[in-house]
Amino acid sequence: MGILNVTPDSFSDGGRFLDAASAVQQGLLLVREGADILDIGGESTRPGAEPVTLEEECRRVLPVVEELSRRTQIAISIDTQKPDVARAAIQAGAVMINDIAANREDESMWRLAAESGAGYVAMHMQGTPRTMQASPQYGDVVAEVTEFFRNRLERMQACGVRLEQLALDPGIGFGKTLDQNVRLLSGLKDFRGFARPIVLGVSRKSFLGGLTGAGVGDRMPAGLACSVWAAFCGVSVLRTHDVAPTIQALRVFQAISERKL
């Protein structure tokens, strides 16, 4: 899953692809590099980020979704917390909703997924982007994320979302400390019991800097290590800025693992 942020303030690539033409060209590059999914977002979800209006988010993402869905054959995902943005993006050609706010109580996003048949990624987050890193607390982070997934699968299916539409994301960096992120990564195999695709996004995130001391632009090796570990644990979808290097790392992992050494 290639990341395409159409924002001025995302932590890694904010402002680089803010105009539609640049965003479309970056999306096409990610496709050439081998992305199977393009995840397009118009609102930064970095820690402390301020929300944007519905109108502004639609202005940023809809021309990009429409043009890329016309020019590519791969799946387009809309990364949004707003049901109205998701609905408009689906009408423009998106086939997936990547929802960091699956901790919501309102059911309108889930009913949209049921109505449209779009794929839906339910991500765990403690709090909101503005508050999530204030002081995240867990007794057992893997157990609590597991219980969150169980609850959300039940609630979404009660809203009419089919099980085959659903994927799960433990939300690395979303309301977790460095130690909690590492514990979640070490426990990825625990989520396989849901028999749903697991989505993982670690690309360039701050906990990698905490572990290695590397700046945002120098965290690719750390992200690749996480990607190979995630593949070993059965993760199905890797959300990354660095599509070509990730594919290269996974091809080597696959060649070795198929030998069953």
Foldseek 3Di string as FASTA:
>chain_A
DAEQELAQDAPFCHPQNVDLVSSLVLVVVLVVLPDQEYEYWHAHLAAQGDGDDPVNRLVRPLVNLLVNQVVDDHAYEYEDQDLVSVVSSVVSRHQEYEHQVLVDPDCSNLLSCQVSVGAYEYEDADDGSNCLQVPQDDPQLQVVLLVVVVVSVVVSVVSRHDPQSYEYEDDQNHNDDLVSSVSCLVVLLVNCVSVHAYEYEDELDVSLCVVPVDHSVPSVVVVLVSLLSNVVSPHDHYYYNDSNVNVVSVVVSVVVVVVVD
